[in-house]
Every structure is written in C-alpha cells, then in structure tokens.
Protein backbone atom coordinates (compact mmCIF):
# COMPACT_ATOMS: atom_id res chain seq x y z
CA MET A 1 -3.91 -10.92 -13.70
CA ASN A 2 -4.82 -7.85 -16.21
CA ALA A 3 -2.30 -5.61 -18.02
CA ASN A 4 -2.97 -3.06 -15.16
CA SER A 5 -2.99 -4.98 -12.14
CA PRO A 6 -1.63 -4.30 -8.61
CA TYR A 7 1.27 -6.69 -9.45
CA ASP A 8 1.88 -4.54 -12.47
CA ARG A 9 2.10 -1.52 -10.61
CA LEU A 10 4.29 -2.85 -7.96
CA LYS A 11 6.44 -4.15 -10.73
CA ALA A 12 6.54 -0.80 -12.51
CA PHE A 13 7.50 1.20 -9.28
CA GLY A 14 10.18 -1.59 -8.66
CA LEU A 15 8.71 -3.04 -5.41
CA PRO A 16 8.76 -6.60 -4.22
CA LEU A 17 5.63 -8.75 -3.01
CA LEU A 18 6.97 -9.78 0.33
CA THR A 19 6.37 -13.22 1.71
CA PRO A 20 4.47 -12.61 4.95
CA ALA A 21 5.96 -13.15 8.62
CA VAL A 22 4.90 -15.88 10.89
CA PRO A 23 2.81 -14.30 13.74
CA ILE A 24 4.76 -13.65 16.92
CA GLY A 25 1.74 -14.20 19.27
CA THR A 26 -1.56 -16.17 19.49
CA TYR A 27 -3.39 -14.55 16.52
CA VAL A 28 -3.67 -15.08 12.82
CA PRO A 29 -2.22 -12.61 10.36
CA PHE A 30 -5.74 -12.12 8.48
CA LYS A 31 -9.37 -12.82 8.94
CA LEU A 32 -11.68 -12.86 6.04
CA SER A 33 -15.20 -12.12 7.04
CA GLY A 34 -17.89 -11.88 4.23
CA ASN A 35 -16.46 -9.45 1.65
CA MET A 36 -14.19 -7.77 4.34
CA LEU A 37 -10.46 -8.56 4.88
CA TYR A 38 -8.78 -7.50 7.98
CA LEU A 39 -5.14 -7.57 8.34
CA SER A 40 -3.40 -7.74 11.92
CA GLY A 41 -0.76 -5.31 12.46
CA GLN A 42 2.35 -5.53 10.32
CA GLY A 43 5.66 -3.61 10.92
CA PRO A 44 8.60 -2.65 8.36
CA ARG A 45 10.09 -6.27 7.68
CA GLN A 46 12.49 -6.44 4.90
CA ALA A 47 12.46 -9.25 2.62
CA ASP A 48 15.34 -10.89 4.74
CA GLY A 49 13.42 -10.97 7.64
CA ARG A 50 15.32 -7.97 9.44
CA LEU A 51 12.96 -5.47 11.32
CA MET A 52 13.50 -1.73 11.11
CA THR A 53 13.60 -0.43 14.49
CA GLY A 54 13.86 2.97 16.42
CA LYS A 55 11.94 5.70 17.91
CA VAL A 56 10.71 8.52 15.52
CA GLY A 57 11.77 11.96 16.77
CA ARG A 58 14.95 10.53 18.33
CA ASP A 59 16.48 7.71 16.30
CA LEU A 60 14.77 8.48 12.74
CA GLY A 61 13.34 11.58 11.00
CA VAL A 62 10.18 11.66 9.10
CA ALA A 63 11.65 10.78 5.84
CA GLU A 64 13.16 7.59 7.21
CA ALA A 65 10.19 6.68 9.09
CA TYR A 66 7.89 7.26 6.01
CA GLU A 67 9.99 4.64 4.14
CA HIS A 68 9.56 2.19 7.10
CA ALA A 69 5.74 2.78 6.54
CA ARG A 70 5.80 2.05 2.95
CA LEU A 71 7.84 -1.12 3.71
CA THR A 72 5.14 -1.80 6.31
CA GLY A 73 2.54 -1.27 3.37
CA LEU A 74 4.58 -3.96 1.34
CA ASN A 75 4.12 -6.55 4.15
CA LEU A 76 0.29 -5.86 4.20
CA LEU A 77 0.11 -6.49 0.68
CA GLY A 78 1.83 -9.68 1.17
CA VAL A 79 -0.45 -10.88 3.73
CA ALA A 80 -3.34 -9.67 1.56
CA HIS A 81 -1.95 -11.64 -1.46
CA LYS A 82 -1.65 -14.74 0.85
CA ALA A 83 -5.19 -14.51 2.04
CA LEU A 84 -6.89 -13.72 -1.36
CA GLY A 85 -4.47 -15.51 -3.82
CA ASP A 86 -4.89 -12.25 -6.15
CA LEU A 87 -4.57 -8.77 -5.20
CA GLY A 88 -6.97 -8.21 -8.08
CA ARG A 89 -9.79 -9.24 -5.62
CA VAL A 90 -9.20 -6.01 -3.39
CA ALA A 91 -12.36 -3.74 -4.21
CA GLN A 92 -11.10 -0.89 -2.25
CA VAL A 93 -8.88 -0.17 0.93
CA VAL A 94 -11.39 0.75 3.41
CA LYS A 95 -9.10 1.81 6.63
CA LEU A 96 -5.59 1.85 7.80
CA PHE A 97 -4.78 2.37 11.44
CA GLY A 98 -0.92 3.48 11.76
CA MET A 99 1.04 3.50 14.95
CA VAL A 100 4.29 5.53 15.26
CA ASN A 101 6.89 4.51 17.84
CA ALA A 102 7.52 8.23 18.75
CA THR A 103 9.09 10.44 21.41
CA PRO A 104 6.61 12.48 23.39
CA ASP A 105 7.20 15.63 21.49
CA PHE A 106 6.82 14.23 17.84
CA HIS A 107 3.75 15.41 16.26
CA ASP A 108 3.93 14.54 12.59
CA HIS A 109 2.61 11.13 12.88
CA PRO A 110 0.21 11.41 9.60
CA ALA A 111 3.55 12.19 7.39
CA VAL A 112 4.99 8.91 8.61
CA ILE A 113 1.87 6.86 7.88
CA ASN A 114 1.65 8.55 4.35
CA GLY A 115 4.41 6.16 3.31
CA CYS A 116 1.86 3.09 3.63
CA SER A 117 -1.34 5.36 2.20
CA ASP A 118 0.82 6.80 -0.90
CA LEU A 119 1.77 3.17 -1.65
CA PHE A 120 -1.56 1.77 -1.50
CA ALA A 121 -2.70 4.67 -3.80
CA LYS A 122 -0.15 3.68 -6.33
CA VAL A 123 -0.75 0.12 -6.32
CA PHE A 124 -4.75 0.21 -6.31
CA GLY A 125 -5.20 3.80 -7.72
CA VAL A 126 -8.52 5.37 -6.38
CA PRO A 127 -9.63 2.37 -4.59
CA GLY A 128 -6.56 2.58 -2.59
CA GLN A 129 -7.74 5.70 -1.15
CA HIS A 130 -9.06 4.92 2.53
CA ALA A 131 -10.00 6.28 5.97
CA ARG A 132 -7.23 6.40 8.24
CA SER A 133 -5.81 6.97 11.85
CA ALA A 134 -2.32 8.00 12.69
CA VAL A 135 -1.09 7.87 16.20
CA GLY A 136 1.96 7.97 18.38
CA MET A 137 2.71 5.23 20.92
CA GLY A 138 5.17 5.18 23.83
CA SER A 139 6.70 1.70 22.32
CA LEU A 140 5.93 -0.87 19.72
CA PRO A 141 6.93 -4.53 19.88
CA GLY A 142 10.47 -5.21 19.31
CA ASN A 143 11.15 -1.51 18.94
CA ILE A 144 9.72 -1.28 15.37
CA SER A 145 9.28 2.17 13.97
CA VAL A 146 5.85 1.60 12.95
CA GLU A 147 3.09 -0.83 13.10
CA ILE A 148 0.09 -0.66 10.63
CA GLU A 149 -3.26 -2.70 10.40
CA ALA A 150 -5.68 -2.52 7.60
CA ILE A 151 -9.37 -3.35 6.44
CA PHE A 152 -10.01 -4.21 2.78
CA GLU A 153 -13.31 -4.85 0.90
CA VAL A 154 -12.77 -7.62 -1.48
CA ILE A 155 -14.46 -9.25 -4.51
CA LYS A 156 -15.81 -12.60 -3.45
CA GLU A 157 -14.75 -15.44 -5.74
CA GLY A 158 -16.92 -17.24 -8.24
CA PRO A 159 -20.60 -17.71 -7.96
C-alpha cells in the first residue's frame, strides 16, 4: 500500500473497513469479469452485524439516511477488498445504483445516496466520481433504509 492508499484515507477519516456480510439469498456478493467488478447490493450493516432500518420520510430524515448510505458504502468497500485483496486495484468507480426505502411523498433520494458517493470521492479521489441512479422503493429487504450496488473498473493483477 502506498502512502496515499484508500486504506490510508479511510484511516485518516476514522472509518473502518468492514467485514462483508454473508449473502442472505442465492447469489454471490461480487462477480469479477475481466477488468470489471460487480458488487451485489449491500445495506447499512454496522460492524456488529446490526442493520439500520426504517422508511425515509417517516422514520428517518435525510441526514440520518445519508449516514446509512455512507455506512452502506463502507460495506461495499469491504466486499471490494475481499474480491480484490487490495482496494488500490480500483481504477475507478463506474456506477452506483442506490435504492432508498422511502414514503411515496419523499423526493430527495439523491441527497440520501450522496452518503455513499461522497465516501467514494473521499476514499478514491477523482476515480471515485461515478455515474449513478438514486431511486425510491416501497420496501427493501429486512426494512433496511438503503441498498446500494456498485460497479468498479479494476487494475488486473500481474502480467
């Protein structure tokens, strides 16, 4: 790891690299295809395994949901680390798809998913900037507040 690695940036912000959760269905947490890494949807799971739940616009406001999206981003980074062995192999974050468990009258989905987008910009710098969708859902598994999936371009290992 170099002096300005994603791990150094996480440490500088006082953010942990989380251990990935075990999938709750018939799927894998990531798929590496060529130089693209596809990460299955992750939710706001704390280090102790506790999931952050609630419907945004009723149980949670934008600021709290933003933090849940940031926590979800930390979980995505944990999966990426497991897949790659080194977050320094991330060439760029290509795309995020963010889902917000929201009331029908809630309209600020982008502000919520910014929690993850801002985290990736801090951890990866310019390569952390990405295309994105932020949409509202009537419900999410386990009543989690947000779910986010990601696509990364990666640097291949060795020759």
